[in-house]
């Protein structure tokens, strides 16, 4: 079983930055592709970014150029650096092990003045 724990969410003003972390434990393997998703109030969960074991990345069009996904395999941790945040980025952000289809509990990001 894989366990994922997100952290780093909070309240930030428009234009600000945050870095989310996702710490993996259990049967986690550093070869698994990892992803970040988000779910805004009243909306469906949507893909944000993913990163393969080799570092190949994919991003949703809405975050390209603003968000950066990275991973530290030695620490079993995946990060999401979010810059130039907008109110529409407000959501609960979830980490996902794409191989085992396991989700973390989520961390809330609120972008508001």
PDB file of N, CA and C in Angstrom:
ATOM      1  N   UNK A   1       0.837  -1.191   0.000  1.00  0.00           N
ATOM      2  CA  UNK A   1       0.000   0.000   0.000  1.00  0.00           C
ATOM      3  C   UNK A   1       0.875   1.244   0.000  1.00  0.00           C
ATOM      4  N   UNK A   2       0.472   2.213  -0.785  1.00  0.00           N
ATOM      5  CA  UNK A   2       1.179   3.496  -0.871  1.00  0.00           C
ATOM      6  C   UNK A   2       0.411   4.535  -0.074  1.00  0.00           C
ATOM      7  N   UNK A   3       1.120   5.331   0.681  1.00  0.00           N
ATOM      8  CA  UNK A   3       0.502   6.452   1.387  1.00  0.00           C
ATOM      9  C   UNK A   3       1.110   7.755   0.863  1.00  0.00           C
ATOM     10  N   UNK A   4       0.235   8.725   0.628  1.00  0.00           N
ATOM     11  CA  UNK A   4       0.660  10.024   0.128  1.00  0.00           C
ATOM     12  C   UNK A   4       0.140  11.109   1.061  1.00  0.00           C
ATOM     13  N   UNK A   5       1.008  12.036   1.448  1.00  0.00           N
ATOM     14  CA  UNK A   5       0.611  13.119   2.343  1.00  0.00           C
ATOM     15  C   UNK A   5       1.045  14.446   1.725  1.00  0.00           C
ATOM     16  N   UNK A   6       0.045  15.286   1.409  1.00  0.00           N
ATOM     17  CA  UNK A   6       0.329  16.598   0.842  1.00  0.00           C
ATOM     18  C   UNK A   6       0.478  17.634   1.949  1.00  0.00           C
ATOM     19  N   UNK A   7       1.233  18.680   1.660  1.00  0.00           N
ATOM     20  CA  UNK A   7       1.373  19.806   2.577  1.00  0.00           C
ATOM     21  C   UNK A   7       1.749  21.046   1.773  1.00  0.00           C
ATOM     22  N   UNK A   8       1.662  22.200   2.436  1.00  0.00           N
ATOM     23  CA  UNK A   8       2.092  23.440   1.800  1.00  0.00           C
ATOM     24  C   UNK A   8       0.988  24.364   1.333  1.00  0.00           C
ATOM     25  N   UNK A   9      -0.262  23.924   1.464  1.00  0.00           N
ATOM     26  CA  UNK A   9      -1.362  24.784   1.065  1.00  0.00           C
ATOM     27  C   UNK A   9      -1.564  25.939   2.039  1.00  0.00           C
ATOM     28  N   UNK A  10      -2.428  26.880   1.642  1.00  0.00           N
ATOM     29  CA  UNK A  10      -2.717  28.014   2.506  1.00  0.00           C
ATOM     30  C   UNK A  10      -3.371  29.135   1.735  1.00  0.00           C
ATOM     31  N   UNK A  11      -3.420  30.286   2.386  1.00  0.00           N
ATOM     32  CA  UNK A  11      -4.016  31.486   1.791  1.00  0.00           C
ATOM     33  C   UNK A  11      -2.909  32.355   1.203  1.00  0.00           C
ATOM     34  N   UNK A  12      -3.081  32.763  -0.039  1.00  0.00           N
ATOM     35  CA  UNK A  12      -2.086  33.597  -0.698  1.00  0.00           C
ATOM     36  C   UNK A  12      -2.800  34.644  -1.542  1.00  0.00           C
ATOM     37  N   UNK A  13      -2.190  35.801  -1.684  1.00  0.00           N
ATOM     38  CA  UNK A  13      -2.787  36.868  -2.489  1.00  0.00           C
ATOM     39  C   UNK A  13      -2.562  36.601  -3.977  1.00  0.00           C
ATOM     40  N   UNK A  14      -3.428  37.127  -4.809  1.00  0.00           N
ATOM     41  CA  UNK A  14      -3.201  36.993  -6.263  1.00  0.00           C
ATOM     42  C   UNK A  14      -1.816  37.492  -6.645  1.00  0.00           C
ATOM     43  N   UNK A  15      -1.169  36.737  -7.519  1.00  0.00           N
ATOM     44  CA  UNK A  15       0.193  37.060  -7.920  1.00  0.00           C
ATOM     45  C   UNK A  15       1.253  36.418  -7.056  1.00  0.00           C
ATOM     46  N   UNK A  16       0.837  35.823  -5.952  1.00  0.00           N
ATOM     47  CA  UNK A  16       1.779  35.207  -5.037  1.00  0.00           C
ATOM     48  C   UNK A  16       2.191  33.806  -5.446  1.00  0.00           C
ATOM     49  N   UNK A  17       2.989  33.173  -4.588  1.00  0.00           N
ATOM     50  CA  UNK A  17       3.528  31.847  -4.876  1.00  0.00           C
ATOM     51  C   UNK A  17       3.351  30.914  -3.688  1.00  0.00           C
ATOM     52  N   UNK A  18       3.295  29.628  -3.992  1.00  0.00           N
ATOM     53  CA  UNK A  18       3.277  28.577  -2.986  1.00  0.00           C
ATOM     54  C   UNK A  18       4.017  27.376  -3.536  1.00  0.00           C
ATOM     55  N   UNK A  19       4.540  26.554  -2.646  1.00  0.00           N
ATOM     56  CA  UNK A  19       5.104  25.275  -3.049  1.00  0.00           C
ATOM     57  C   UNK A  19       4.431  24.158  -2.264  1.00  0.00           C
ATOM     58  N   UNK A  20       3.798  23.265  -2.985  1.00  0.00           N
ATOM     59  CA  UNK A  20       3.174  22.104  -2.380  1.00  0.00           C
ATOM     60  C   UNK A  20       4.147  20.938  -2.385  1.00  0.00           C
ATOM     61  N   UNK A  21       4.031  20.093  -1.362  1.00  0.00           N
ATOM     62  CA  UNK A  21       4.848  18.886  -1.265  1.00  0.00           C
ATOM     63  C   UNK A  21       3.948  17.677  -1.127  1.00  0.00           C
ATOM     64  N   UNK A  22       4.416  16.556  -1.651  1.00  0.00           N
ATOM     65  CA  UNK A  22       3.708  15.286  -1.536  1.00  0.00           C
ATOM     66  C   UNK A  22       4.727  14.236  -1.113  1.00  0.00           C
ATOM     67  N   UNK A  23       4.627  13.791   0.124  1.00  0.00           N
ATOM     68  CA  UNK A  23       5.559  12.797   0.656  1.00  0.00           C
ATOM     69  C   UNK A  23       4.939  11.411   0.531  1.00  0.00           C
ATOM     70  N   UNK A  24       5.682  10.489  -0.077  1.00  0.00           N
ATOM     71  CA  UNK A  24       5.190   9.134  -0.303  1.00  0.00           C
ATOM     72  C   UNK A  24       5.870   8.147   0.628  1.00  0.00           C
ATOM     73  N   UNK A  25       5.122   7.127   1.027  1.00  0.00           N
ATOM     74  CA  UNK A  25       5.669   6.072   1.873  1.00  0.00           C
ATOM     75  C   UNK A  25       4.968   4.769   1.529  1.00  0.00           C
ATOM     76  N   UNK A  26       5.403   3.698   2.200  1.00  0.00           N
ATOM     77  CA  UNK A  26       4.813   2.395   1.938  1.00  0.00           C
ATOM     78  C   UNK A  26       5.449   1.741   0.733  1.00  0.00           C
ATOM     79  N   UNK A  27       4.622   1.193  -0.158  1.00  0.00           N
ATOM     80  CA  UNK A  27       5.126   0.469  -1.322  1.00  0.00           C
ATOM     81  C   UNK A  27       5.426   1.395  -2.482  1.00  0.00           C
ATOM     82  N   UNK A  28       5.628   2.675  -2.187  1.00  0.00           N
ATOM     83  CA  UNK A  28       5.920   3.637  -3.229  1.00  0.00           C
ATOM     84  C   UNK A  28       7.209   3.292  -3.949  1.00  0.00           C
ATOM     85  N   UNK A  29       7.195   3.454  -5.251  1.00  0.00           N
ATOM     86  CA  UNK A  29       8.396   3.235  -6.049  1.00  0.00           C
ATOM     87  C   UNK A  29       8.748   4.510  -6.789  1.00  0.00           C
ATOM     88  N   UNK A  30      10.009   4.826  -6.804  1.00  0.00           N
ATOM     89  CA  UNK A  30      10.452   6.044  -7.464  1.00  0.00           C
ATOM     90  C   UNK A  30      10.305   5.960  -8.980  1.00  0.00           C
ATOM     91  N   UNK A  31       9.957   4.791  -9.519  1.00  0.00           N
ATOM     92  CA  UNK A  31       9.780   4.705 -10.967  1.00  0.00           C
ATOM     93  C   UNK A  31       8.359   5.089 -11.372  1.00  0.00           C
ATOM     94  N   UNK A  32       7.473   5.268 -10.400  1.00  0.00           N
ATOM     95  CA  UNK A  32       6.082   5.584 -10.727  1.00  0.00           C
ATOM     96  C   UNK A  32       5.940   7.023 -11.171  1.00  0.00           C
ATOM     97  N   UNK A  33       5.129   7.218 -12.191  1.00  0.00           N
ATOM     98  CA  UNK A  33       4.750   8.571 -12.571  1.00  0.00           C
ATOM     99  C   UNK A  33       3.830   9.139 -11.501  1.00  0.00           C
ATOM    100  N   UNK A  34       4.057  10.394 -11.156  1.00  0.00           N
ATOM    101  CA  UNK A  34       3.271  11.059 -10.126  1.00  0.00           C
ATOM    102  C   UNK A  34       2.542  12.254 -10.730  1.00  0.00           C
ATOM    103  N   UNK A  35       1.385  12.560 -10.160  1.00  0.00           N
ATOM    104  CA  UNK A  35       0.618  13.667 -10.694  1.00  0.00           C
ATOM    105  C   UNK A  35       0.041  14.548  -9.619  1.00  0.00           C
ATOM    106  N   UNK A  36      -0.291  15.766 -10.006  1.00  0.00           N
ATOM    107  CA  UNK A  36      -1.052  16.685  -9.161  1.00  0.00           C
ATOM    108  C   UNK A  36      -2.380  16.976  -9.865  1.00  0.00           C
ATOM    109  N   UNK A  37      -3.446  16.954  -9.093  1.00  0.00           N
ATOM    110  CA  UNK A  37      -4.781  17.288  -9.559  1.00  0.00           C
ATOM    111  C   UNK A  37      -5.363  18.334  -8.617  1.00  0.00           C
ATOM    112  N   UNK A  38      -6.455  18.959  -9.028  1.00  0.00           N
ATOM    113  CA  UNK A  38      -7.130  19.904  -8.139  1.00  0.00           C
ATOM    114  C   UNK A  38      -8.629  19.846  -8.347  1.00  0.00           C
ATOM    115  N   UNK A  39      -9.337  20.236  -7.295  1.00  0.00           N
ATOM    116  CA  UNK A  39     -10.791  20.261  -7.350  1.00  0.00           C
ATOM    117  C   UNK A  39     -11.284  21.535  -6.699  1.00  0.00           C
ATOM    118  N   UNK A  40     -11.863  22.388  -7.514  1.00  0.00           N
ATOM    119  CA  UNK A  40     -12.445  23.634  -7.024  1.00  0.00           C
ATOM    120  C   UNK A  40     -13.854  23.368  -6.496  1.00  0.00           C
ATOM    121  N   UNK A  41     -14.366  24.252  -5.643  1.00  0.00           N
ATOM    122  CA  UNK A  41     -15.729  24.060  -5.123  1.00  0.00           C
ATOM    123  C   UNK A  41     -16.752  23.936  -6.245  1.00  0.00           C
ATOM    124  N   UNK A  42     -17.551  22.888  -6.195  1.00  0.00           N
ATOM    125  CA  UNK A  42     -18.597  22.690  -7.180  1.00  0.00           C
ATOM    126  C   UNK A  42     -18.126  22.209  -8.528  1.00  0.00           C
ATOM    127  N   UNK A  43     -16.835  21.886  -8.640  1.00  0.00           N
ATOM    128  CA  UNK A  43     -16.280  21.456  -9.924  1.00  0.00           C
ATOM    129  C   UNK A  43     -15.742  20.033  -9.817  1.00  0.00           C
ATOM    130  N   UNK A  44     -15.472  19.456 -10.978  1.00  0.00           N
ATOM    131  CA  UNK A  44     -14.872  18.129 -10.994  1.00  0.00           C
ATOM    132  C   UNK A  44     -13.362  18.240 -10.784  1.00  0.00           C
ATOM    133  N   UNK A  45     -12.784  17.131 -10.332  1.00  0.00           N
ATOM    134  CA  UNK A  45     -11.344  17.091 -10.156  1.00  0.00           C
ATOM    135  C   UNK A  45     -10.684  17.145 -11.533  1.00  0.00           C
ATOM    136  N   UNK A  46      -9.621  17.944 -11.644  1.00  0.00           N
ATOM    137  CA  UNK A  46      -8.960  18.100 -12.937  1.00  0.00           C
ATOM    138  C   UNK A  46      -7.462  17.927 -12.815  1.00  0.00           C
ATOM    139  N   UNK A  47      -6.869  17.482 -13.907  1.00  0.00           N
ATOM    140  CA  UNK A  47      -5.436  17.274 -13.995  1.00  0.00           C
ATOM    141  C   UNK A  47      -4.712  18.619 -13.974  1.00  0.00           C
ATOM    142  N   UNK A  48      -3.584  18.655 -13.244  1.00  0.00           N
ATOM    143  CA  UNK A  48      -2.760  19.861 -13.200  1.00  0.00           C
ATOM    144  C   UNK A  48      -1.400  19.599 -13.848  1.00  0.00           C
ATOM    145  N   UNK A  49      -0.702  18.555 -13.371  1.00  0.00           N
ATOM    146  CA  UNK A  49       0.647  18.279 -13.876  1.00  0.00           C
ATOM    147  C   UNK A  49       1.034  16.852 -13.527  1.00  0.00           C
ATOM    148  N   UNK A  50       2.005  16.316 -14.270  1.00  0.00           N
ATOM    149  CA  UNK A  50       2.540  14.992 -13.961  1.00  0.00           C
ATOM    150  C   UNK A  50       4.032  14.973 -14.272  1.00  0.00           C
ATOM    151  N   UNK A  51       4.717  14.009 -13.634  1.00  0.00           N
ATOM    152  CA  UNK A  51       6.144  13.867 -13.847  1.00  0.00           C
ATOM    153  C   UNK A  51       6.507  12.387 -13.809  1.00  0.00           C
ATOM    154  N   UNK A  52       7.280  11.951 -14.790  1.00  0.00           N
ATOM    155  CA  UNK A  52       7.705  10.557 -14.840  1.00  0.00           C
ATOM    156  C   UNK A  52       8.937  10.359 -13.967  1.00  0.00           C
ATOM    157  N   UNK A  53       9.346   9.107 -13.830  1.00  0.00           N
ATOM    158  CA  UNK A  53      10.531   8.825 -13.031  1.00  0.00           C
ATOM    159  C   UNK A  53      11.766   9.491 -13.631  1.00  0.00           C
ATOM    160  N   UNK A  54      11.770   9.644 -14.951  1.00  0.00           N
ATOM    161  CA  UNK A  54      12.915  10.261 -15.617  1.00  0.00           C
ATOM    162  C   UNK A  54      12.869  11.771 -15.689  1.00  0.00           C
ATOM    163  N   UNK A  55      11.768  12.334 -15.186  1.00  0.00           N
ATOM    164  CA  UNK A  55      11.672  13.782 -15.144  1.00  0.00           C
ATOM    165  C   UNK A  55      10.869  14.416 -16.268  1.00  0.00           C
ATOM    166  N   UNK A  56      10.278  13.605 -17.144  1.00  0.00           N
ATOM    167  CA  UNK A  56       9.419  14.166 -18.194  1.00  0.00           C
ATOM    168  C   UNK A  56       8.146  14.716 -17.568  1.00  0.00           C
ATOM    169  N   UNK A  57       7.737  15.905 -18.002  1.00  0.00           N
ATOM    170  CA  UNK A  57       6.597  16.575 -17.377  1.00  0.00           C
ATOM    171  C   UNK A  57       5.497  16.893 -18.382  1.00  0.00           C
ATOM    172  N   UNK A  58       4.282  16.977 -17.863  1.00  0.00           N
ATOM    173  CA  UNK A  58       3.116  17.425 -18.618  1.00  0.00           C
ATOM    174  C   UNK A  58       2.323  18.382 -17.750  1.00  0.00           C
ATOM    175  N   UNK A  59       1.702  19.367 -18.393  1.00  0.00           N
ATOM    176  CA  UNK A  59       0.944  20.377 -17.660  1.00  0.00           C
ATOM    177  C   UNK A  59      -0.388  20.654 -18.344  1.00  0.00           C
ATOM    178  N   UNK A  60      -1.364  20.997 -17.535  1.00  0.00           N
ATOM    179  CA  UNK A  60      -2.610  21.512 -18.078  1.00  0.00           C
ATOM    180  C   UNK A  60      -2.342  22.880 -18.688  1.00  0.00           C
ATOM    181  N   UNK A  61      -3.066  23.203 -19.742  1.00  0.00           N
ATOM    182  CA  UNK A  61      -2.848  24.491 -20.406  1.00  0.00           C
ATOM    183  C   UNK A  61      -3.031  25.664 -19.448  1.00  0.00           C
ATOM    184  N   UNK A  62      -3.924  25.515 -18.499  1.00  0.00           N
ATOM    185  CA  UNK A  62      -4.258  26.608 -17.591  1.00  0.00           C
ATOM    186  C   UNK A  62      -3.116  26.969 -16.640  1.00  0.00           C
ATOM    187  N   UNK A  63      -2.137  26.074 -16.489  1.00  0.00           N
ATOM    188  CA  UNK A  63      -1.045  26.345 -15.537  1.00  0.00           C
ATOM    189  C   UNK A  63       0.321  26.412 -16.205  1.00  0.00           C
ATOM    190  N   UNK A  64       0.390  26.130 -17.491  1.00  0.00           N
ATOM    191  CA  UNK A  64       1.677  26.168 -18.203  1.00  0.00           C
ATOM    192  C   UNK A  64       2.338  27.529 -18.055  1.00  0.00           C
ATOM    193  N   UNK A  65       3.624  27.500 -17.737  1.00  0.00           N
ATOM    194  CA  UNK A  65       4.374  28.740 -17.578  1.00  0.00           C
ATOM    195  C   UNK A  65       4.285  29.333 -16.182  1.00  0.00           C
ATOM    196  N   UNK A  66       3.357  28.812 -15.354  1.00  0.00           N
ATOM    197  CA  UNK A  66       3.202  29.329 -13.984  1.00  0.00           C
ATOM    198  C   UNK A  66       3.549  28.283 -12.935  1.00  0.00           C
ATOM    199  N   UNK A  67       3.225  27.030 -13.217  1.00  0.00           N
ATOM    200  CA  UNK A  67       3.454  25.938 -12.262  1.00  0.00           C
ATOM    201  C   UNK A  67       4.614  25.073 -12.737  1.00  0.00           C
ATOM    202  N   UNK A  68       5.362  24.529 -11.777  1.00  0.00           N
ATOM    203  CA  UNK A  68       6.462  23.611 -12.090  1.00  0.00           C
ATOM    204  C   UNK A  68       6.389  22.400 -11.175  1.00  0.00           C
ATOM    205  N   UNK A  69       6.324  21.219 -11.772  1.00  0.00           N
ATOM    206  CA  UNK A  69       6.336  19.979 -11.001  1.00  0.00           C
ATOM    207  C   UNK A  69       7.756  19.433 -10.986  1.00  0.00           C
ATOM    208  N   UNK A  70       8.156  18.889  -9.838  1.00  0.00           N
ATOM    209  CA  UNK A  70       9.482  18.301  -9.719  1.00  0.00           C
ATOM    210  C   UNK A  70       9.420  17.166  -8.709  1.00  0.00           C
ATOM    211  N   UNK A  71      10.488  16.368  -8.651  1.00  0.00           N
ATOM    212  CA  UNK A  71      10.517  15.268  -7.694  1.00  0.00           C
ATOM    213  C   UNK A  71      11.927  15.058  -7.186  1.00  0.00           C
ATOM    214  N   UNK A  72      11.991  14.590  -5.954  1.00  0.00           N
ATOM    215  CA  UNK A  72      13.246  14.192  -5.331  1.00  0.00           C
ATOM    216  C   UNK A  72      13.095  12.717  -4.977  1.00  0.00           C
ATOM    217  N   UNK A  73      13.617  11.855  -5.818  1.00  0.00           N
ATOM    218  CA  UNK A  73      13.427  10.419  -5.611  1.00  0.00           C
ATOM    219  C   UNK A  73      14.104   9.920  -4.336  1.00  0.00           C
ATOM    220  N   UNK A  74      15.170  10.560  -3.938  1.00  0.00           N
ATOM    221  CA  UNK A  74      15.849  10.146  -2.703  1.00  0.00           C
ATOM    222  C   UNK A  74      14.974  10.392  -1.473  1.00  0.00           C
ATOM    223  N   UNK A  75      14.107  11.397  -1.586  1.00  0.00           N
ATOM    224  CA  UNK A  75      13.215  11.729  -0.472  1.00  0.00           C
ATOM    225  C   UNK A  75      11.797  11.228  -0.691  1.00  0.00           C
ATOM    226  N   UNK A  76      11.560  10.528  -1.825  1.00  0.00           N
ATOM    227  CA  UNK A  76      10.199  10.061  -2.149  1.00  0.00           C
ATOM    228  C   UNK A  76       9.197  11.211  -2.057  1.00  0.00           C
ATOM    229  N   UNK A  77       9.558  12.350  -2.610  1.00  0.00           N
ATOM    230  CA  UNK A  77       8.725  13.535  -2.497  1.00  0.00           C
ATOM    231  C   UNK A  77       8.562  14.186  -3.871  1.00  0.00           C
ATOM    232  N   UNK A  78       7.335  14.633  -4.129  1.00  0.00           N
ATOM    233  CA  UNK A  78       7.014  15.350  -5.355  1.00  0.00           C
ATOM    234  C   UNK A  78       6.564  16.759  -4.959  1.00  0.00           C
ATOM    235  N   UNK A  79       6.949  17.737  -5.753  1.00  0.00           N
ATOM    236  CA  UNK A  79       6.647  19.128  -5.444  1.00  0.00           C
ATOM    237  C   UNK A  79       5.837  19.761  -6.570  1.00  0.00           C
ATOM    238  N   UNK A  80       5.099  20.795  -6.206  1.00  0.00           N
ATOM    239  CA  UNK A  80       4.425  21.620  -7.198  1.00  0.00           C
ATOM    240  C   UNK A  80       4.670  23.072  -6.813  1.00  0.00           C
ATOM    241  N   UNK A  81       5.513  23.736  -7.582  1.00  0.00           N
ATOM    242  CA  UNK A  81       5.779  25.145  -7.377  1.00  0.00           C
ATOM    243  C   UNK A  81       4.755  25.935  -8.184  1.00  0.00           C
ATOM    244  N   UNK A  82       4.033  26.817  -7.507  1.00  0.00           N
ATOM    245  CA  UNK A  82       2.975  27.586  -8.152  1.00  0.00           C
ATOM    246  C   UNK A  82       3.296  29.073  -8.052  1.00  0.00           C
ATOM    247  N   UNK A  83       3.486  29.711  -9.179  1.00  0.00           N
ATOM    248  CA  UNK A  83       3.769  31.142  -9.239  1.00  0.00           C
ATOM    249  C   UNK A  83       2.619  31.873  -9.913  1.00  0.00           C
ATOM    250  N   UNK A  84       2.605  33.177  -9.766  1.00  0.00           N
ATOM    251  CA  UNK A  84       1.592  34.029 -10.410  1.00  0.00           C
ATOM    252  C   UNK A  84       0.186  33.479 -10.176  1.00  0.00           C
ATOM    253  N   UNK A  85      -0.097  33.158  -8.938  1.00  0.00           N
ATOM    254  CA  UNK A  85      -1.381  32.526  -8.616  1.00  0.00           C
ATOM    255  C   UNK A  85      -2.550  33.457  -8.879  1.00  0.00           C
ATOM    256  N   UNK A  86      -3.660  32.859  -9.327  1.00  0.00           N
ATOM    257  CA  UNK A  86      -4.885  33.586  -9.655  1.00  0.00           C
ATOM    258  C   UNK A  86      -6.022  33.082  -8.774  1.00  0.00           C
ATOM    259  N   UNK A  87      -7.051  33.879  -8.571  1.00  0.00           N
ATOM    260  CA  UNK A  87      -8.194  33.399  -7.782  1.00  0.00           C
ATOM    261  C   UNK A  87      -8.774  32.086  -8.322  1.00  0.00           C
ATOM    262  N   UNK A  88      -8.727  31.886  -9.613  1.00  0.00           N
ATOM    263  CA  UNK A  88      -9.267  30.655 -10.198  1.00  0.00           C
ATOM    264  C   UNK A  88      -8.400  29.430  -9.930  1.00  0.00           C
ATOM    265  N   UNK A  89      -7.223  29.614  -9.318  1.00  0.00           N
ATOM    266  CA  UNK A  89      -6.403  28.482  -8.880  1.00  0.00           C
ATOM    267  C   UNK A  89      -6.855  27.947  -7.520  1.00  0.00           C
ATOM    268  N   UNK A  90      -7.799  28.633  -6.894  1.00  0.00           N
ATOM    269  CA  UNK A  90      -8.315  28.182  -5.601  1.00  0.00           C
ATOM    270  C   UNK A  90      -8.946  26.801  -5.735  1.00  0.00           C
ATOM    271  N   UNK A  91      -8.466  25.861  -4.930  1.00  0.00           N
ATOM    272  CA  UNK A  91      -8.933  24.476  -5.011  1.00  0.00           C
ATOM    273  C   UNK A  91      -8.244  23.650  -3.933  1.00  0.00           C
ATOM    274  N   UNK A  92      -8.750  22.438  -3.756  1.00  0.00           N
ATOM    275  CA  UNK A  92      -8.012  21.434  -2.995  1.00  0.00           C
ATOM    276  C   UNK A  92      -7.092  20.722  -3.984  1.00  0.00           C
ATOM    277  N   UNK A  93      -5.836  20.663  -3.662  1.00  0.00           N
ATOM    278  CA  UNK A  93      -4.829  20.046  -4.543  1.00  0.00           C
ATOM    279  C   UNK A  93      -4.490  18.656  -4.012  1.00  0.00           C
ATOM    280  N   UNK A  94      -4.526  17.687  -4.918  1.00  0.00           N
ATOM    281  CA  UNK A  94      -4.288  16.294  -4.571  1.00  0.00           C
ATOM    282  C   UNK A  94      -3.077  15.759  -5.333  1.00  0.00           C
ATOM    283  N   UNK A  95      -2.332  14.936  -4.646  1.00  0.00           N
ATOM    284  CA  UNK A  95      -1.229  14.206  -5.238  1.00  0.00           C
ATOM    285  C   UNK A  95      -1.730  12.810  -5.592  1.00  0.00           C
ATOM    286  N   UNK A  96      -1.221  12.249  -6.681  1.00  0.00           N
ATOM    287  CA  UNK A  96      -1.660  10.923  -7.096  1.00  0.00           C
ATOM    288  C   UNK A  96      -0.484  10.093  -7.585  1.00  0.00           C
ATOM    289  N   UNK A  97      -0.405   8.861  -7.095  1.00  0.00           N
ATOM    290  CA  UNK A  97       0.502   7.860  -7.652  1.00  0.00           C
ATOM    291  C   UNK A  97      -0.226   7.274  -8.863  1.00  0.00           C
ATOM    292  N   UNK A  98       0.275   7.586 -10.049  1.00  0.00           N
ATOM    293  CA  UNK A  98      -0.459   7.224 -11.259  1.00  0.00           C
ATOM    294  C   UNK A  98      -0.436   5.719 -11.517  1.00  0.00           C
ATOM    295  N   UNK A  99       0.555   5.019 -11.004  1.00  0.00           N
ATOM    296  CA  UNK A  99       0.641   3.573 -11.239  1.00  0.00           C
ATOM    297  C   UNK A  99      -0.358   2.825 -10.361  1.00  0.00           C
ATOM    298  N   UNK A 100      -0.358   3.150  -9.045  1.00  0.00           N
ATOM    299  CA  UNK A 100      -1.255   2.457  -8.123  1.00  0.00           C
ATOM    300  C   UNK A 100      -2.627   3.132  -8.027  1.00  0.00           C
ATOM    301  N   UNK A 101      -2.792   4.292  -8.660  1.00  0.00           N
ATOM    302  CA  UNK A 101      -4.048   5.042  -8.582  1.00  0.00           C
ATOM    303  C   UNK A 101      -4.414   5.341  -7.133  1.00  0.00           C
ATOM    304  N   UNK A 102      -3.415   5.783  -6.364  1.00  0.00           N
ATOM    305  CA  UNK A 102      -3.633   6.140  -4.966  1.00  0.00           C
ATOM    306  C   UNK A 102      -3.573   7.659  -4.828  1.00  0.00           C
ATOM    307  N   UNK A 103      -4.507   8.198  -4.051  1.00  0.00           N
ATOM    308  CA  UNK A 103      -4.604   9.649  -3.842  1.00  0.00           C
ATOM    309  C   UNK A 103      -4.175  10.017  -2.425  1.00  0.00           C
ATOM    310  N   UNK A 104      -3.656  11.228  -2.277  1.00  0.00           N
ATOM    311  CA  UNK A 104      -3.454  11.795  -0.962  1.00  0.00           C
ATOM    312  C   UNK A 104      -4.755  12.399  -0.461  1.00  0.00           C
ATOM    313  N   UNK A 105      -4.699  13.019   0.720  1.00  0.00           N
ATOM    314  CA  UNK A 105      -5.907  13.575   1.338  1.00  0.00           C
ATOM    315  C   UNK A 105      -6.208  14.985   0.841  1.00  0.00           C
ATOM    316  N   UNK A 106      -5.244  15.605   0.194  1.00  0.00           N
ATOM    317  CA  UNK A 106      -5.448  16.936  -0.364  1.00  0.00           C
ATOM    318  C   UNK A 106      -4.981  18.048   0.564  1.00  0.00           C
ATOM    319  N   UNK A 107      -4.648  19.178  -0.047  1.00  0.00           N
ATOM    320  CA  UNK A 107      -4.286  20.381   0.691  1.00  0.00           C
ATOM    321  C   UNK A 107      -4.952  21.573   0.019  1.00  0.00           C
ATOM    322  N   UNK A 108      -5.549  22.449   0.833  1.00  0.00           N
ATOM    323  CA  UNK A 108      -6.349  23.547   0.306  1.00  0.00           C
ATOM    324  C   UNK A 108      -5.470  24.742  -0.035  1.00  0.00           C
ATOM    325  N   UNK A 109      -5.652  25.253  -1.239  1.00  0.00           N
ATOM    326  CA  UNK A 109      -5.005  26.488  -1.683  1.00  0.00           C
ATOM    327  C   UNK A 109      -6.088  27.520  -1.948  1.00  0.00           C
ATOM    328  N   UNK A 110      -5.991  28.653  -1.284  1.00  0.00           N
ATOM    329  CA  UNK A 110      -6.950  29.738  -1.470  1.00  0.00           C
ATOM    330  C   UNK A 110      -6.209  30.972  -1.952  1.00  0.00           C
ATOM    331  N   UNK A 111      -6.606  31.476  -3.108  1.00  0.00           N
ATOM    332  CA  UNK A 111      -5.984  32.674  -3.679  1.00  0.00           C
ATOM    333  C   UNK A 111      -6.998  33.810  -3.584  1.00  0.00           C
ATOM    334  N   UNK A 112      -6.733  34.752  -2.709  1.00  0.00           N
ATOM    335  CA  UNK A 112      -7.690  35.821  -2.461  1.00  0.00           C
ATOM    336  C   UNK A 112      -6.988  37.009  -1.830  1.00  0.00           C
ATOM    337  N   UNK A 113      -7.511  38.189  -2.140  1.00  0.00           N
ATOM    338  CA  UNK A 113      -6.977  39.405  -1.516  1.00  0.00           C
ATOM    339  C   UNK A 113      -7.798  39.772  -0.279  1.00  0.00           C
TER     340      UNK A 113
END
